[in-house]
C-alpha atoms as a PDB file:
ATOM      1  CA  MET A   1     111.345  97.571 114.956  1.00  0.00           C
ATOM      2  CA  ARG A   2     108.818  98.465 117.663  1.00  0.00           C
ATOM      3  CA  THR A   3     107.064 100.823 115.282  1.00  0.00           C
ATOM      4  CA  ALA A   4     106.936  98.209 112.506  1.00  0.00           C
ATOM      5  CA  ARG A   5     105.059  95.848 114.818  1.00  0.00           C
ATOM      6  CA  THR A   6     102.326  98.444 115.273  1.00  0.00           C
ATOM      7  CA  VAL A   7     102.057  99.333 111.581  1.00  0.00           C
ATOM      8  CA  PHE A   8     102.076  96.102 109.600  1.00  0.00           C
ATOM      9  CA  PRO A   9      99.313  93.505 109.891  1.00  0.00           C
ATOM     10  CA  ALA A  10     100.016  90.347 111.828  1.00  0.00           C
ATOM     11  CA  PRO A  11     100.399  87.681 110.840  1.00  0.00           C
ATOM     12  CA  ALA A  12     102.109  88.958 107.712  1.00  0.00           C
ATOM     13  CA  VAL A  13     100.860  86.105 105.539  1.00  0.00           C
ATOM     14  CA  ALA A  14      97.125  85.446 105.591  1.00  0.00           C
ATOM     15  CA  PRO A  15      94.464  84.255 103.129  1.00  0.00           C
ATOM     16  CA  ASP A  16      94.002  87.859 101.972  1.00  0.00           C
ATOM     17  CA  ARG A  17      97.698  88.870 101.725  1.00  0.00           C
ATOM     18  CA  TYR A  18     101.064  87.555 100.559  1.00  0.00           C
ATOM     19  CA  GLY A  19     103.128  89.095 103.346  1.00  0.00           C
ATOM     20  CA  VAL A  20     105.066  91.472 101.077  1.00  0.00           C
ATOM     21  CA  GLY A  21     105.090  95.200 100.563  1.00  0.00           C
ATOM     22  CA  PHE A  22     107.400  98.191 100.585  1.00  0.00           C
ATOM     23  CA  VAL A  23     108.438 101.119 102.737  1.00  0.00           C
ATOM     24  CA  ILE A  24     109.082 104.676 101.604  1.00  0.00           C
ATOM     25  CA  ALA A  25     111.260 106.977 103.727  1.00  0.00           C
ATOM     26  CA  HIS A  26     110.919 110.669 102.900  1.00  0.00           C
ATOM     27  CA  ASP A  27     112.934 113.433 104.524  1.00  0.00           C
ATOM     28  CA  ALA A  28     111.073 116.661 103.866  1.00  0.00           C
ATOM     29  CA  PRO A  29     112.181 120.063 105.172  1.00  0.00           C
ATOM     30  CA  ARG A  30     109.677 120.207 108.034  1.00  0.00           C
ATOM     31  CA  LEU A  31     108.707 116.569 108.616  1.00  0.00           C
ATOM     32  CA  CYS A  32     110.095 113.128 107.952  1.00  0.00           C
ATOM     33  CA  TYR A  33     107.741 110.427 106.769  1.00  0.00           C
ATOM     34  CA  ALA A  34     107.640 106.646 106.690  1.00  0.00           C
ATOM     35  CA  LEU A  35     105.017 105.105 104.427  1.00  0.00           C
ATOM     36  CA  ALA A  36     104.454 101.439 105.238  1.00  0.00           C
ATOM     37  CA  CYS A  37     102.684  99.681 102.365  1.00  0.00           C
ATOM     38  CA  TRP A  38     101.622  96.087 101.819  1.00  0.00           C
ATOM     39  CA  TRP A  39      99.691  94.159  99.208  1.00  0.00           C
ATOM     40  CA  ALA A  40      96.319  92.699 100.173  1.00  0.00           C
ATOM     41  CA  GLU A  41      93.373  91.113  98.348  1.00  0.00           C
ATOM     42  CA  LYS A  42      95.765  90.464  95.424  1.00  0.00           C
ATOM     43  CA  ASN A  43      95.384  93.936  93.874  1.00  0.00           C
ATOM     44  CA  GLU A  44      95.145  96.416  96.745  1.00  0.00           C
ATOM     45  CA  VAL A  45      97.957  98.386  98.305  1.00  0.00           C
ATOM     46  CA  HIS A  46      97.293  99.159 101.953  1.00  0.00           C
ATOM     47  CA  GLN A  47      99.202 101.965 103.605  1.00  0.00           C
ATOM     48  CA  ARG A  48      99.908 103.594 106.920  1.00  0.00           C
ATOM     49  CA  ILE A  49     101.780 106.883 107.070  1.00  0.00           C
ATOM     50  CA  LEU A  50     103.908 107.884 110.018  1.00  0.00           C
ATOM     51  CA  SER A  51     105.538 111.273 110.473  1.00  0.00           C
ATOM     52  CA  ALA A  52     107.719 113.190 112.908  1.00  0.00           C
ATOM     53  CA  ARG A  53     109.431 116.530 113.065  1.00  0.00           C
ATOM     54  CA  ALA A  54     112.482 116.514 110.803  1.00  0.00           C
ATOM     55  CA  ASP A  55     114.772 117.049 113.778  1.00  0.00           C
ATOM     56  CA  ARG A  56     113.129 114.201 115.782  1.00  0.00           C
ATOM     57  CA  PRO A  57     112.730 111.245 113.369  1.00  0.00           C
ATOM     58  CA  GLU A  58     112.814 108.768 116.242  1.00  0.00           C
ATOM     59  CA  HIS A  59     109.375 110.063 117.283  1.00  0.00           C
ATOM     60  CA  LEU A  60     107.448 108.658 114.317  1.00  0.00           C
ATOM     61  CA  ALA A  61     103.720 108.461 114.999  1.00  0.00           C
ATOM     62  CA  PRO A  62     100.608 108.068 112.839  1.00  0.00           C
ATOM     63  CA  HIS A  63     100.359 111.017 110.477  1.00  0.00           C
ATOM     64  CA  PRO A  64      97.417 113.235 111.496  1.00  0.00           C
ATOM     65  CA  SER A  65      95.968 113.818 108.008  1.00  0.00           C
ATOM     66  CA  PRO A  66      94.344 111.493 105.448  1.00  0.00           C
ATOM     67  CA  ALA A  67      97.216 112.069 102.977  1.00  0.00           C
ATOM     68  CA  ALA A  68      97.931 109.305 100.469  1.00  0.00           C
ATOM     69  CA  GLY A  69     101.427 110.522  99.677  1.00  0.00           C
ATOM     70  CA  CYS A  70     103.134 113.384  97.909  1.00  0.00           C
ATOM     71  CA  VAL A  71     103.997 113.452  94.229  1.00  0.00           C
ATOM     72  CA  TRP A  72     107.541 112.216  94.971  1.00  0.00           C
ATOM     73  CA  GLU A  73     106.373 109.297  97.074  1.00  0.00           C
ATOM     74  CA  LEU A  74     103.776 108.360  94.487  1.00  0.00           C
ATOM     75  CA  SER A  75     106.522 107.773  91.909  1.00  0.00           C
ATOM     76  CA  VAL A  76     107.791 104.962  94.152  1.00  0.00           C
ATOM     77  CA  THR A  77     104.247 103.630  94.576  1.00  0.00           C
ATOM     78  CA  ASP A  78     103.839 103.656  90.785  1.00  0.00           C
ATOM     79  CA  PHE A  79     107.050 101.659  90.383  1.00  0.00           C
ATOM     80  CA  GLU A  80     105.794  99.103  92.920  1.00  0.00           C
ATOM     81  CA  ARG A  81     102.409  98.949  91.194  1.00  0.00           C
ATOM     82  CA  ARG A  82     104.022  98.174  87.846  1.00  0.00           C
ATOM     83  CA  ALA A  83     106.316  95.538  89.372  1.00  0.00           C
ATOM     84  CA  TRP A  84     103.345  93.945  91.171  1.00  0.00           C
ATOM     85  CA  MET A  85     101.303  93.825  87.991  1.00  0.00           C
ATOM     86  CA  THR A  86     104.184  92.321  86.003  1.00  0.00           C
ATOM     87  CA  HIS A  87     105.332  89.684  88.465  1.00  0.00           C
ATOM     88  CA  VAL A  88     102.152  88.838  90.367  1.00  0.00           C
ATOM     89  CA  LEU A  89      98.913  89.795  88.615  1.00  0.00           C
ATOM     90  CA  ALA A  90      99.840  89.384  84.929  1.00  0.00           C
ATOM     91  CA  ASN A  91     102.519  86.703  85.216  1.00  0.00           C
ATOM     92  CA  PRO A  92     101.476  83.758  82.994  1.00  0.00           C
ATOM     93  CA  GLY A  93     103.213  81.325  85.357  1.00  0.00           C
ATOM     94  CA  GLY A  94     101.402  82.645  88.404  1.00  0.00           C
ATOM     95  CA  PRO A  95     102.597  84.973  91.155  1.00  0.00           C
ATOM     96  CA  ASP A  96     106.395  85.233  91.362  1.00  0.00           C
ATOM     97  CA  LEU A  97     107.115  87.001  94.636  1.00  0.00           C
ATOM     98  CA  ASP A  98     110.874  86.484  94.303  1.00  0.00           C
ATOM     99  CA  ALA A  99     110.893  88.342  90.971  1.00  0.00           C
ATOM    100  CA  TYR A 100     108.754  91.109  92.469  1.00  0.00           C
ATOM    101  CA  LEU A 101     111.097  91.485  95.434  1.00  0.00           C
ATOM    102  CA  ALA A 102     114.143  91.488  93.137  1.00  0.00           C
ATOM    103  CA  GLN A 103     112.962  94.661  91.392  1.00  0.00           C
ATOM    104  CA  GLU A 104     114.791  97.823  92.495  1.00  0.00           C
ATOM    105  CA  TYR A 105     113.719 101.420  92.254  1.00  0.00           C
ATOM    106  CA  ASN A 106     116.687 103.555  91.234  1.00  0.00           C
ATOM    107  CA  ASP A 107     115.749 107.157  90.604  1.00  0.00           C
ATOM    108  CA  ASP A 108     116.190 110.570  92.164  1.00  0.00           C
ATOM    109  CA  VAL A 109     112.849 112.016  93.197  1.00  0.00           C
END
């Protein structure tokens, strides 16, 4: 919880953001990663990546490289992108955040 407060924008809801997003947890052999992502300016995904040694996940800190994500993480981002487009950007009735949040990613990556 302490880490989340330093990663996500505050306040969560603002004129330029809905206050929703997604988190990706990735346990790799050498490092563990947490990708904190949120939607801003209607069509932008903003992201902060944290990492720690695989044997010390409680020591998450900002990842030292400009990485955007690995191929496995990007499959989750693609799912979120499609759900966002369907339920928020292209929804004829206007943004439906409940429908977006109800979507679930179920795949082995």
